[in-house]
Amino acid sequence: MSRTAARALVDTLRLNGVDTIFCVPGESYLAVLDALHDVPEIRLVVCRQEGGAAYMADAYAKATGKPGICFVTRGPGITNASVGIHVAQQDSSPVIVFMGQVGRDMFEREAFQEVDVRKVFGSMTKWAAQIDDADRVPEFVSRAFHTATSGRPGPVVLALPEDMLVEQTDAPDVRPATPVETGIGVEALARLRDLLAEAKRPLLLIGGGGWNAKARADIQAFAEAWEVPLTVSFRCQDYVDNDHTHYAGDVGIGPNPKLAERVKTTDLLVVLGARLGEMTTGGYTLLNLPVPSQRLVHIHAGAEELGRVYQPELAINANSAAVAAALTALAPAGDIEARQDWVRGARADYEAWQQPVVSPGPMQMSEIVRWLVGRLPPDAMICNGAGNYATWFHRFYRYRGWRTQLAPTNGSMGYGVPAGVAAKLLHPERVVIAAAGDGCFLMNGQELATAAQYNAAVVFLVIDNGMYGTIRMHQEREYPARISGTGLQNPDFAQLAQAYGAHAETVERTEDFAPAFERAVAAGRPALIWIKLDPEAITPRASLSQIRATAQHAKS
């Protein structure tokens, strides 16, 4: 059957179960847009900027475990999308970005918007390539799915020369890609069981890619049976039901000091799926380099991560879900009862850490977040980007359902708004909240138009303190009272939301938040709540003035 290369590409996407594509249209891949016209089972979500489209693809991948698909044009299009590609790389998200490319007869001339994807994205992806032959379209697309989903998941970028897309091909269809999973061997499992049996204060730290709802249930069952506290890496809090008796909190930016101490003093740290990177290790301080004082078991789907920074006593190259399933078959051994106080103590530390704190000003963010915990159903989805505002959710919210936290582990600003749109389109029946600081919001606030176009009734929370708060906090620590480059002059966010057709609320006092939130949810359309936060309320631990005073005292 003869068809265009563009149609062969779309057919291969359909055969691989693609149901949603996020895009910003470009003339370089008009043939693909034309082919999609005849495939109504694939929903095309048109975004307002390629960074937002790539973020949506990443959020889709996180929420479903399937590859998120993004189409952008060459040059400015793909470079705008690079922010989402970097998120997918560091977050281990299976994302495939297709880029329209200049015609093959123009290569190497620096033609209009020409980009060499291999050079530009080779270090940021699992695979970056260009399809020059129409007959190889099914082959390349199939490989993209295999590469994005196998081992440690991650992003793939494929360039599509526009003249190639309109050529005819007789290439046959390919079978749907099946992710390649690695399981734990018998000897490694036996060694892990022995280490667990010997431990008096074991700690399990999970994160990374390759998880699913069953793996979550498996690891919780294992923790119960073996009496092991469960902790998670940065922004992977929904990997465990936060109400679970063995959940002890997250190890990331600004963790509970008591939990950080437990990581340092555990006699067996089992890390499943998480990279032992800067955020997970507190800037490489929670474990000694390169040989930790704790006995360390590191299990990861990417062999290149094992021994990369730390030398584990036991390294296992295996998929997280497969290992979680294998652990449920292990009969508990050792003095299990003696570990119950260790588990209860870790849980008590977590619950104490969640108690609301008093901050400067009439808006108490810890109380608002704790109110949301009681108000929202377990499957409500919280999306956020980066900024100090996110610490209120990380510390005080309880993520109870699977994949209810969509946030970038690489700390990328601007993620929350597009992630919220993607989440609501995927789960219109759920409550979806997209939280953002004033700086974070305006990095992708234009995707409010996408929410309005598709009637994605996200509740957007804009937490406004008139500054790039995280940078200001660090500025006060390093250069106290020397403010430069961190102040912001913001628009009236309520009027801005109304201009997009969204419901809008302005909240300046804690007691006004609950009724405003109820009105926002009842609106049945995108809604924005503008929360005016005192600039002094920079963190749950200390005010801006306290941080400045401490720094000045240290310097004097």
Protein backbone atom coordinates (compact mmCIF):
# COMPACT_ATOMS: atom_id res chain seq x y z
CA MET A 1 0.00 0.00 0.00
CA SER A 2 1.54 3.27 -1.11
CA ARG A 3 1.14 6.26 1.21
CA THR A 4 3.02 9.40 2.09
CA ALA A 5 5.78 9.24 4.67
CA ALA A 6 3.66 11.58 6.83
CA ARG A 7 0.77 9.13 6.72
CA ALA A 8 3.11 6.23 7.52
CA LEU A 9 4.32 8.19 10.55
CA VAL A 10 0.80 8.87 11.80
CA ASP A 11 -0.19 5.24 11.21
CA THR A 12 2.80 4.10 13.28
CA LEU A 13 1.80 6.45 16.10
CA ARG A 14 -1.74 5.06 16.01
CA LEU A 15 -0.50 1.46 16.07
CA ASN A 16 1.57 2.32 19.15
CA GLY A 17 -1.53 3.46 21.00
CA VAL A 18 -1.01 7.21 20.75
CA ASP A 19 -4.27 8.99 21.63
CA THR A 20 -3.02 12.55 22.24
CA ILE A 21 -0.47 14.81 20.56
CA PHE A 22 0.61 18.22 21.89
CA CYS A 23 1.82 20.64 19.26
CA VAL A 24 2.46 24.11 17.97
CA PRO A 25 1.84 23.98 14.20
CA GLY A 26 4.58 24.76 11.70
CA GLU A 27 4.82 24.81 7.93
CA SER A 28 7.66 22.30 8.12
CA TYR A 29 5.31 19.45 9.02
CA LEU A 30 2.07 20.42 7.28
CA ALA A 31 1.94 16.96 5.71
CA VAL A 32 1.68 15.41 9.20
CA LEU A 33 -1.12 17.80 10.19
CA ASP A 34 -2.92 16.81 6.99
CA ALA A 35 -2.51 13.10 7.77
CA LEU A 36 -3.86 13.63 11.29
CA HIS A 37 -7.02 15.11 9.76
CA ASP A 38 -8.06 11.57 8.78
CA VAL A 39 -7.24 9.96 12.16
CA PRO A 40 -9.83 11.38 14.59
CA GLU A 41 -8.90 8.84 17.30
CA ILE A 42 -5.73 10.87 17.93
CA ARG A 43 -6.56 14.12 19.71
CA LEU A 44 -4.44 17.07 18.62
CA VAL A 45 -3.96 19.63 21.40
CA VAL A 46 -2.76 22.93 19.95
CA CYS A 47 -0.64 24.90 22.43
CA ARG A 48 0.54 28.50 22.50
CA GLN A 49 4.28 27.97 22.88
CA GLU A 50 6.50 24.97 22.23
CA GLY A 51 7.85 24.95 25.78
CA GLY A 52 4.30 24.53 27.04
CA ALA A 53 3.64 21.76 24.50
CA ALA A 54 6.76 19.86 25.58
CA TYR A 55 5.82 20.28 29.25
CA MET A 56 2.36 18.88 28.48
CA ALA A 57 3.92 15.87 26.76
CA ASP A 58 6.08 15.28 29.83
CA ALA A 59 3.09 15.61 32.18
CA TYR A 60 1.15 13.15 30.00
CA ALA A 61 4.05 10.69 30.19
CA LYS A 62 4.25 11.01 33.97
CA ALA A 63 0.51 10.57 34.41
CA THR A 64 0.10 7.59 32.05
CA GLY A 65 3.48 5.87 31.87
CA LYS A 66 3.13 6.01 28.08
CA PRO A 67 5.25 8.16 25.78
CA GLY A 68 4.13 11.78 25.60
CA ILE A 69 4.11 12.95 21.98
CA CYS A 70 4.98 16.48 20.91
CA PHE A 71 5.24 18.05 17.43
CA VAL A 72 7.07 21.34 16.85
CA THR A 73 8.67 23.13 13.96
CA ARG A 74 12.37 23.67 13.31
CA GLY A 75 14.68 26.33 14.75
CA PRO A 76 12.76 28.47 17.25
CA GLY A 77 10.17 25.72 17.67
CA ILE A 78 12.52 22.94 18.74
CA THR A 79 14.72 25.23 20.82
CA ASN A 80 11.64 26.48 22.68
CA ALA A 81 10.73 22.84 23.30
CA SER A 82 14.19 22.08 24.69
CA VAL A 83 13.07 23.11 28.18
CA GLY A 84 10.59 20.23 28.24
CA ILE A 85 13.13 17.86 26.72
CA HIS A 86 15.54 18.62 29.56
CA VAL A 87 12.76 17.95 32.08
CA ALA A 88 12.07 14.59 30.44
CA GLN A 89 15.75 13.69 30.59
CA GLN A 90 16.29 14.46 34.28
CA ASP A 91 12.83 13.20 35.29
CA SER A 92 13.19 9.92 33.34
CA SER A 93 9.99 10.57 31.36
CA PRO A 94 9.32 8.80 28.05
CA VAL A 95 8.76 11.71 25.66
CA ILE A 96 9.08 11.72 21.86
CA VAL A 97 9.44 15.10 20.15
CA PHE A 98 9.04 15.28 16.38
CA MET A 99 10.55 18.31 14.69
CA GLY A 100 9.74 19.57 11.22
CA GLN A 101 13.01 20.12 9.36
CA VAL A 102 14.23 22.00 6.30
CA GLY A 103 14.25 20.16 3.00
CA ARG A 104 17.12 17.75 2.39
CA ASP A 105 18.41 19.80 -0.53
CA MET A 106 19.13 22.67 1.88
CA PHE A 107 21.14 20.86 4.57
CA GLU A 108 24.43 22.38 5.77
CA ARG A 109 23.63 25.84 4.33
CA GLU A 110 22.20 27.31 7.54
CA ALA A 111 18.88 27.46 5.76
CA PHE A 112 15.92 29.25 7.33
CA GLN A 113 15.51 27.86 10.89
CA GLU A 114 17.82 24.91 10.17
CA VAL A 115 18.93 22.94 13.25
CA ASP A 116 21.16 19.89 13.42
CA VAL A 117 19.24 17.85 16.00
CA ARG A 118 22.06 15.37 16.53
CA LYS A 119 24.48 18.08 17.61
CA VAL A 120 22.00 20.21 19.54
CA PHE A 121 20.14 17.44 21.37
CA GLY A 122 22.60 14.57 21.42
CA SER A 123 23.57 15.24 25.05
CA MET A 124 20.01 15.91 26.22
CA THR A 125 18.21 12.83 24.90
CA LYS A 126 18.48 9.07 24.77
CA TRP A 127 18.48 9.35 20.97
CA ALA A 128 18.40 12.27 18.54
CA ALA A 129 18.13 11.46 14.83
CA GLN A 130 16.73 12.53 11.48
CA ILE A 131 14.65 10.47 9.07
CA ASP A 132 16.05 11.07 5.60
CA ASP A 133 14.41 8.09 3.86
CA ALA A 134 10.62 7.79 3.63
CA ASP A 135 10.87 4.00 3.57
CA ARG A 136 12.46 4.03 7.04
CA VAL A 137 9.77 6.06 8.80
CA PRO A 138 8.10 3.07 10.53
CA GLU A 139 11.52 1.74 11.56
CA PHE A 140 12.67 5.03 13.10
CA VAL A 141 9.38 5.72 14.89
CA SER A 142 9.30 2.19 16.30
CA ARG A 143 12.85 2.60 17.55
CA ALA A 144 11.87 5.91 19.16
CA PHE A 145 9.17 4.15 21.20
CA HIS A 146 11.51 1.35 22.22
CA THR A 147 14.25 3.78 23.19
CA ALA A 148 12.02 6.17 25.14
CA THR A 149 10.44 3.41 27.24
CA SER A 150 13.15 0.80 27.76
CA GLY A 151 15.69 0.80 30.58
CA ARG A 152 15.72 4.24 32.18
CA PRO A 153 12.93 6.07 30.32
CA GLY A 154 13.77 9.34 28.64
CA PRO A 155 13.29 11.67 25.66
CA VAL A 156 13.85 11.09 21.95
CA VAL A 157 13.94 13.76 19.24
CA LEU A 158 13.31 12.91 15.58
CA ALA A 159 13.72 15.47 12.78
CA LEU A 160 11.43 15.22 9.74
CA PRO A 161 12.65 16.94 6.56
CA GLU A 162 9.59 18.49 4.96
CA ASP A 163 10.33 17.12 1.48
CA MET A 164 10.70 13.59 2.91
CA LEU A 165 7.26 13.77 4.51
CA VAL A 166 5.46 14.13 1.17
CA GLU A 167 7.29 11.27 -0.59
CA GLN A 168 5.46 8.02 -1.26
CA THR A 169 6.50 4.83 0.49
CA ASP A 170 5.47 1.18 0.41
CA ALA A 171 7.05 0.48 3.80
CA PRO A 172 4.86 -1.96 5.77
CA ASP A 173 3.49 -1.25 9.22
CA VAL A 174 5.42 -2.42 12.26
CA ARG A 175 4.18 -4.10 15.42
CA PRO A 176 3.61 -1.91 18.48
CA ALA A 177 6.74 -1.38 20.54
CA THR A 178 7.06 -3.33 23.77
CA PRO A 179 9.29 -1.85 26.48
CA VAL A 180 12.25 -4.02 27.40
CA GLU A 181 12.33 -4.64 31.15
CA THR A 182 15.15 -6.05 33.22
CA GLY A 183 14.34 -8.21 36.23
CA ILE A 184 16.29 -8.98 39.38
CA GLY A 185 18.37 -12.17 39.35
CA VAL A 186 18.05 -14.97 41.91
CA GLU A 187 21.49 -14.35 43.43
CA ALA A 188 20.96 -10.60 43.74
CA LEU A 189 17.56 -11.12 45.33
CA ALA A 190 19.03 -13.58 47.84
CA ARG A 191 21.82 -11.14 48.73
CA LEU A 192 19.30 -8.31 49.16
CA ARG A 193 17.23 -10.54 51.45
CA ASP A 194 20.27 -11.26 53.60
CA LEU A 195 21.12 -7.57 53.93
CA LEU A 196 17.54 -6.76 54.88
CA ALA A 197 17.48 -9.54 57.47
CA GLU A 198 20.69 -8.24 59.07
CA ALA A 199 19.60 -4.60 59.23
CA LYS A 200 18.31 -3.05 62.43
CA ARG A 201 17.48 0.39 60.96
CA PRO A 202 16.79 -0.12 57.24
CA LEU A 203 15.42 2.66 55.06
CA LEU A 204 13.90 2.39 51.58
CA LEU A 205 14.20 5.34 49.19
CA ILE A 206 12.23 5.13 45.93
CA GLY A 207 11.85 7.34 42.87
CA GLY A 208 12.79 7.66 39.22
CA GLY A 209 10.93 6.30 36.20
CA GLY A 210 9.31 2.98 35.37
CA TRP A 211 6.75 2.88 38.20
CA ASN A 212 3.03 2.13 38.03
CA ALA A 213 0.10 1.68 40.40
CA LYS A 214 0.83 -2.02 40.92
CA ALA A 215 4.48 -1.33 41.75
CA ARG A 216 3.31 1.24 44.27
CA ALA A 217 1.05 -1.30 45.95
CA ASP A 218 3.82 -3.93 45.86
CA ILE A 219 6.41 -1.71 47.55
CA GLN A 220 3.93 -0.67 50.24
CA ALA A 221 3.13 -4.33 50.95
CA PHE A 222 6.84 -5.13 51.18
CA ALA A 223 7.44 -2.25 53.61
CA GLU A 224 4.64 -3.47 55.83
CA ALA A 225 5.83 -7.07 55.85
CA TRP A 226 9.48 -6.21 56.52
CA GLU A 227 8.88 -3.17 58.77
CA VAL A 228 10.89 -0.71 56.67
CA PRO A 229 10.17 3.05 56.50
CA LEU A 230 9.34 4.28 53.00
CA THR A 231 10.83 7.53 51.71
CA VAL A 232 10.74 9.08 48.26
CA SER A 233 13.07 11.23 46.20
CA PHE A 234 12.39 14.83 45.17
CA ARG A 235 8.89 15.34 43.72
CA CYS A 236 8.02 11.64 43.76
CA GLN A 237 5.76 11.96 46.80
CA ASP A 238 2.81 10.26 45.11
CA TYR A 239 4.81 7.04 44.69
CA VAL A 240 3.56 6.12 48.18
CA ASP A 241 0.21 6.83 49.81
CA ASN A 242 1.20 9.61 52.20
CA ASP A 243 -1.38 8.30 54.70
CA HIS A 244 0.41 4.94 54.79
CA THR A 245 1.76 4.01 58.22
CA HIS A 246 5.25 3.37 56.83
CA TYR A 247 5.59 6.57 54.81
CA ALA A 248 8.25 8.83 56.31
CA GLY A 249 8.45 11.73 53.83
CA ASP A 250 10.53 12.99 50.93
CA VAL A 251 14.26 13.45 50.59
CA GLY A 252 14.72 16.50 48.41
CA ILE A 253 15.10 20.26 48.74
CA GLY A 254 14.74 21.33 52.38
CA PRO A 255 13.79 17.90 53.76
CA ASN A 256 12.65 17.25 57.30
CA PRO A 257 15.93 17.48 59.29
CA LYS A 258 14.95 14.40 61.29
CA LEU A 259 14.46 12.42 58.09
CA ALA A 260 17.81 13.64 56.76
CA GLU A 261 19.38 12.39 59.99
CA ARG A 262 17.72 9.00 59.50
CA VAL A 263 19.26 8.75 56.04
CA LYS A 264 22.66 9.46 57.58
CA THR A 265 22.26 6.96 60.44
CA THR A 266 20.46 4.07 58.75
CA ASP A 267 22.47 0.86 58.67
CA LEU A 268 20.98 -0.15 55.30
CA LEU A 269 19.82 2.28 52.62
CA VAL A 270 18.00 0.58 49.74
CA VAL A 271 17.55 2.97 46.82
CA LEU A 272 15.04 1.70 44.25
CA GLY A 273 14.70 3.59 40.97
CA ALA A 274 16.03 6.94 42.18
CA ARG A 275 19.24 8.48 40.94
CA LEU A 276 21.66 9.40 43.69
CA GLY A 277 21.89 12.93 42.36
CA GLU A 278 22.27 16.34 43.99
CA MET A 279 18.66 16.75 45.16
CA THR A 280 18.32 13.20 46.51
CA THR A 281 21.53 13.36 48.49
CA GLY A 282 21.26 16.91 49.85
CA GLY A 283 24.04 18.21 47.65
CA TYR A 284 26.00 14.94 48.08
CA THR A 285 26.10 15.40 51.86
CA LEU A 286 23.73 12.70 53.18
CA LEU A 287 26.09 9.96 52.02
CA ASN A 288 29.89 10.01 52.16
CA LEU A 289 31.74 10.12 48.83
CA PRO A 290 32.50 7.81 47.15
CA VAL A 291 31.91 5.01 49.68
CA PRO A 292 28.92 5.67 51.97
CA SER A 293 29.15 4.92 55.68
CA GLN A 294 25.74 3.25 55.35
CA ARG A 295 25.43 -0.10 53.64
CA LEU A 296 24.02 0.90 50.27
CA VAL A 297 21.94 -1.11 47.82
CA HIS A 298 21.28 0.75 44.59
CA ILE A 299 18.74 -0.64 42.12
CA HIS A 300 18.26 1.22 38.85
CA ALA A 301 17.05 0.47 35.33
CA GLY A 302 19.97 2.39 33.81
CA ALA A 303 23.26 0.56 34.29
CA GLU A 304 25.16 3.83 33.80
CA GLU A 305 23.71 5.16 37.08
CA LEU A 306 25.11 2.33 39.21
CA GLY A 307 28.40 3.38 40.74
CA ARG A 308 28.26 6.71 38.94
CA VAL A 309 28.77 8.73 42.14
CA TYR A 310 28.55 6.29 45.02
CA GLN A 311 29.92 2.76 45.31
CA PRO A 312 27.08 0.52 46.50
CA GLU A 313 27.65 -2.70 48.41
CA LEU A 314 25.09 -4.26 46.09
CA ALA A 315 24.25 -2.83 42.65
CA ILE A 316 21.31 -4.24 40.70
CA ASN A 317 20.45 -3.27 37.13
CA ALA A 318 16.70 -3.84 37.06
CA ASN A 319 13.35 -2.20 36.43
CA SER A 320 11.67 -0.74 39.52
CA ALA A 321 8.30 -2.39 38.91
CA ALA A 322 9.89 -5.81 38.42
CA VAL A 323 11.91 -5.48 41.62
CA ALA A 324 8.90 -4.26 43.60
CA ALA A 325 6.97 -7.34 42.49
CA ALA A 326 9.88 -9.64 43.38
CA LEU A 327 10.17 -8.11 46.86
CA THR A 328 6.59 -9.08 47.71
CA ALA A 329 7.56 -12.73 47.34
CA LEU A 330 10.33 -12.47 49.95
CA ALA A 331 9.39 -14.00 53.27
CA PRO A 332 10.35 -11.58 56.08
CA ALA A 333 13.51 -12.54 57.93
CA GLY A 334 15.49 -11.16 60.86
CA ASP A 335 14.14 -9.42 63.94
CA ILE A 336 11.14 -7.75 62.31
CA GLU A 337 9.45 -6.73 65.57
CA ALA A 338 12.56 -4.90 66.76
CA ARG A 339 12.21 -2.52 63.80
CA GLN A 340 8.69 -1.39 64.66
CA ASP A 341 9.88 1.47 66.86
CA TRP A 342 12.15 2.64 64.02
CA VAL A 343 9.15 2.70 61.67
CA ARG A 344 6.84 4.39 64.17
CA GLY A 345 9.45 7.00 64.97
CA ALA A 346 9.96 7.84 61.30
CA ARG A 347 6.21 8.20 60.81
CA ALA A 348 5.86 10.38 63.90
CA ASP A 349 8.62 12.66 62.61
CA TYR A 350 6.74 13.03 59.32
CA GLU A 351 3.43 13.88 60.96
CA ALA A 352 5.07 16.43 63.26
CA TRP A 353 6.77 18.04 60.23
CA GLN A 354 3.34 18.47 58.61
CA GLN A 355 1.88 20.60 61.38
CA PRO A 356 1.04 24.12 60.17
CA VAL A 357 3.45 26.93 60.98
CA VAL A 358 2.81 30.63 61.48
CA SER A 359 4.21 32.89 58.76
CA PRO A 360 4.28 36.69 58.40
CA GLY A 361 1.20 38.34 56.94
CA PRO A 362 -2.52 37.56 56.73
CA MET A 363 -2.08 34.62 54.31
CA GLN A 364 -1.07 31.39 56.03
CA MET A 365 -0.06 29.02 53.24
CA SER A 366 0.46 26.02 55.51
CA GLU A 367 -3.15 26.31 56.72
CA ILE A 368 -4.42 26.65 53.14
CA VAL A 369 -2.55 23.55 52.00
CA ARG A 370 -3.70 21.54 55.02
CA TRP A 371 -7.28 22.66 54.27
CA LEU A 372 -6.87 21.35 50.73
CA VAL A 373 -5.79 17.97 52.11
CA GLY A 374 -9.13 17.68 53.90
CA ARG A 375 -11.15 19.14 51.03
CA LEU A 376 -9.76 17.30 48.01
CA PRO A 377 -10.44 13.69 47.04
CA PRO A 378 -7.44 11.30 47.00
CA ASP A 379 -7.26 11.37 43.19
CA ALA A 380 -6.98 15.17 42.93
CA MET A 381 -3.91 16.15 40.91
CA ILE A 382 -1.47 18.85 42.08
CA CYS A 383 0.79 20.31 39.38
CA ASN A 384 3.54 22.82 40.00
CA GLY A 385 6.73 24.23 38.56
CA ALA A 386 9.62 25.60 40.59
CA GLY A 387 9.88 28.28 43.24
CA ASN A 388 9.63 28.71 46.99
CA TYR A 389 5.84 28.59 46.77
CA ALA A 390 6.15 24.87 45.99
CA THR A 391 7.70 24.15 49.40
CA TRP A 392 4.30 24.72 51.03
CA PHE A 393 2.82 21.89 48.96
CA HIS A 394 5.82 19.57 49.32
CA ARG A 395 5.82 19.89 53.07
CA PHE A 396 2.14 20.21 54.02
CA TYR A 397 0.14 18.40 51.30
CA ARG A 398 -0.54 14.65 51.41
CA TYR A 399 -0.44 12.90 48.06
CA ARG A 400 -2.67 9.88 48.45
CA GLY A 401 -3.50 8.66 44.96
CA TRP A 402 -1.11 7.33 42.33
CA ARG A 403 0.22 10.00 39.97
CA THR A 404 -1.39 12.92 41.74
CA GLN A 405 1.82 14.97 41.80
CA LEU A 406 3.06 16.32 38.47
CA ALA A 407 6.16 18.43 39.03
CA PRO A 408 9.63 18.62 37.44
CA THR A 409 12.45 17.02 39.39
CA ASN A 410 14.89 19.18 37.42
CA GLY A 411 13.40 22.29 39.05
CA SER A 412 12.11 23.88 35.86
CA MET A 413 9.95 26.99 36.22
CA GLY A 414 6.79 27.38 34.17
CA TYR A 415 5.81 23.70 34.37
CA GLY A 416 2.66 23.84 36.51
CA VAL A 417 0.29 25.64 34.12
CA PRO A 418 0.80 23.40 31.06
CA ALA A 419 1.00 20.29 33.25
CA GLY A 420 -2.34 21.20 34.76
CA VAL A 421 -3.89 21.57 31.31
CA ALA A 422 -2.55 18.17 30.21
CA ALA A 423 -3.74 16.54 33.45
CA LYS A 424 -7.27 17.94 33.12
CA LEU A 425 -7.55 16.89 29.48
CA LEU A 426 -6.44 13.41 30.48
CA HIS A 427 -8.70 13.23 33.56
CA PRO A 428 -11.59 15.69 33.15
CA GLU A 429 -13.43 14.00 36.02
CA ARG A 430 -10.73 14.86 38.57
CA VAL A 431 -9.97 18.06 40.44
CA VAL A 432 -6.74 19.46 39.00
CA ILE A 433 -4.80 22.25 40.67
CA ALA A 434 -1.93 24.03 38.93
CA ALA A 435 0.09 25.99 41.46
CA ALA A 436 2.57 28.66 40.41
CA GLY A 437 4.44 31.60 41.83
CA ASP A 438 4.11 34.94 40.11
CA GLY A 439 7.42 34.41 38.30
CA CYS A 440 6.66 30.78 37.48
CA PHE A 441 3.14 31.54 36.20
CA LEU A 442 4.17 34.11 33.62
CA MET A 443 6.70 31.75 32.06
CA ASN A 444 3.83 29.75 30.56
CA GLY A 445 0.73 31.69 31.55
CA GLN A 446 -0.27 31.87 27.89
CA GLU A 447 -1.37 28.24 28.13
CA LEU A 448 -4.43 29.59 29.95
CA ALA A 449 -5.64 30.15 26.40
CA THR A 450 -5.19 26.42 25.72
CA ALA A 451 -7.19 25.61 28.86
CA ALA A 452 -9.95 27.93 27.67
CA GLN A 453 -9.93 26.53 24.12
CA TYR A 454 -10.42 22.96 25.34
CA ASN A 455 -12.51 23.88 28.40
CA ALA A 456 -9.97 22.30 30.74
CA ALA A 457 -11.41 23.38 34.09
CA VAL A 458 -8.12 23.60 35.96
CA VAL A 459 -7.95 25.63 39.16
CA PHE A 460 -4.82 27.78 38.81
CA LEU A 461 -3.32 29.13 42.02
CA VAL A 462 -0.99 32.10 41.50
CA ILE A 463 0.95 32.74 44.70
CA ASP A 464 2.24 36.27 44.30
CA ASN A 465 4.96 37.77 46.49
CA GLY A 466 6.27 40.24 43.89
CA MET A 467 9.65 38.62 43.35
CA TYR A 468 11.63 35.67 42.08
CA GLY A 469 11.41 34.28 45.60
CA THR A 470 13.90 31.43 45.47
CA ILE A 471 16.60 33.61 43.96
CA ARG A 472 15.85 36.42 46.42
CA MET A 473 16.18 33.93 49.29
CA HIS A 474 19.60 32.83 48.09
CA GLN A 475 20.54 36.45 47.39
CA GLU A 476 19.78 37.40 50.99
CA ARG A 477 21.83 34.45 52.23
CA GLU A 478 24.87 35.27 50.12
CA TYR A 479 24.60 39.06 49.68
CA PRO A 480 22.25 40.27 52.45
CA ALA A 481 20.33 43.51 51.83
CA ARG A 482 21.87 43.91 48.35
CA ILE A 483 18.76 43.39 46.23
CA SER A 484 19.45 43.17 42.51
CA GLY A 485 17.51 41.57 39.68
CA THR A 486 14.88 39.73 41.75
CA GLY A 487 12.00 42.21 42.07
CA LEU A 488 8.90 41.86 39.86
CA GLN A 489 6.13 44.22 38.81
CA ASN A 490 3.11 42.05 38.12
CA PRO A 491 -0.17 42.53 36.27
CA ASP A 492 -3.56 42.19 37.87
CA PHE A 493 -3.71 38.40 37.60
CA ALA A 494 -7.49 38.31 38.13
CA GLN A 495 -8.11 40.64 35.19
CA LEU A 496 -5.61 38.69 33.11
CA ALA A 497 -7.48 35.45 33.82
CA GLN A 498 -10.81 37.05 32.93
CA ALA A 499 -9.36 38.23 29.63
CA TYR A 500 -8.71 34.57 28.80
CA GLY A 501 -12.29 33.69 29.71
CA ALA A 502 -11.43 32.14 33.07
CA HIS A 503 -13.22 32.59 36.37
CA ALA A 504 -11.09 34.74 38.71
CA GLU A 505 -10.76 35.28 42.45
CA THR A 506 -8.44 37.46 44.51
CA VAL A 507 -7.53 36.31 48.02
CA GLU A 508 -5.55 38.29 50.59
CA ARG A 509 -6.55 36.56 53.84
CA THR A 510 -6.47 32.91 54.86
CA GLU A 511 -10.16 32.78 55.75
CA ASP A 512 -11.15 33.96 52.27
CA PHE A 513 -9.45 31.10 50.45
CA ALA A 514 -11.96 28.30 51.09
CA PRO A 515 -15.04 30.11 49.71
CA ALA A 516 -13.00 31.40 46.76
CA PHE A 517 -11.84 27.86 46.01
CA GLU A 518 -15.39 26.50 46.15
CA ARG A 519 -16.55 29.16 43.70
CA ALA A 520 -13.62 28.36 41.41
CA VAL A 521 -14.44 24.65 41.33
CA ALA A 522 -18.15 25.34 40.83
CA ALA A 523 -17.43 27.65 37.87
CA GLY A 524 -17.07 24.65 35.56
CA ARG A 525 -14.40 26.37 33.48
CA PRO A 526 -10.75 27.35 33.95
CA ALA A 527 -10.42 29.35 37.15
CA LEU A 528 -7.60 31.37 38.68
CA ILE A 529 -7.16 32.28 42.33
CA TRP A 530 -4.73 35.14 42.85
CA ILE A 531 -3.17 34.66 46.28
CA LYS A 532 -1.34 37.73 47.57
CA LEU A 533 1.41 36.55 49.87
CA ASP A 534 3.51 38.70 52.18
CA PRO A 535 7.07 38.83 50.75
CA GLU A 536 8.37 38.05 54.24
CA ALA A 537 6.72 34.59 54.08
CA ILE A 538 9.54 33.21 51.95
CA THR A 539 9.79 29.73 53.51
CA PRO A 540 7.95 27.73 56.19
CA ARG A 541 11.14 27.82 58.29
CA ALA A 542 12.20 31.46 58.25
CA SER A 543 11.10 34.89 57.09
CA LEU A 544 13.04 36.95 54.58
CA SER A 545 14.19 39.29 57.34
CA GLN A 546 15.36 36.39 59.47
CA ILE A 547 17.39 34.97 56.58
CA ARG A 548 18.95 38.38 55.97
CA ALA A 549 19.75 38.94 59.64
CA THR A 550 21.35 35.51 59.98
CA ALA A 551 23.53 36.17 56.92
CA GLN A 552 24.55 39.61 58.15
CA HIS A 553 25.48 38.21 61.55
CA ALA A 554 27.58 35.47 59.93
CA LYS A 555 29.40 37.97 57.72
CA SER A 556 30.09 40.33 60.62
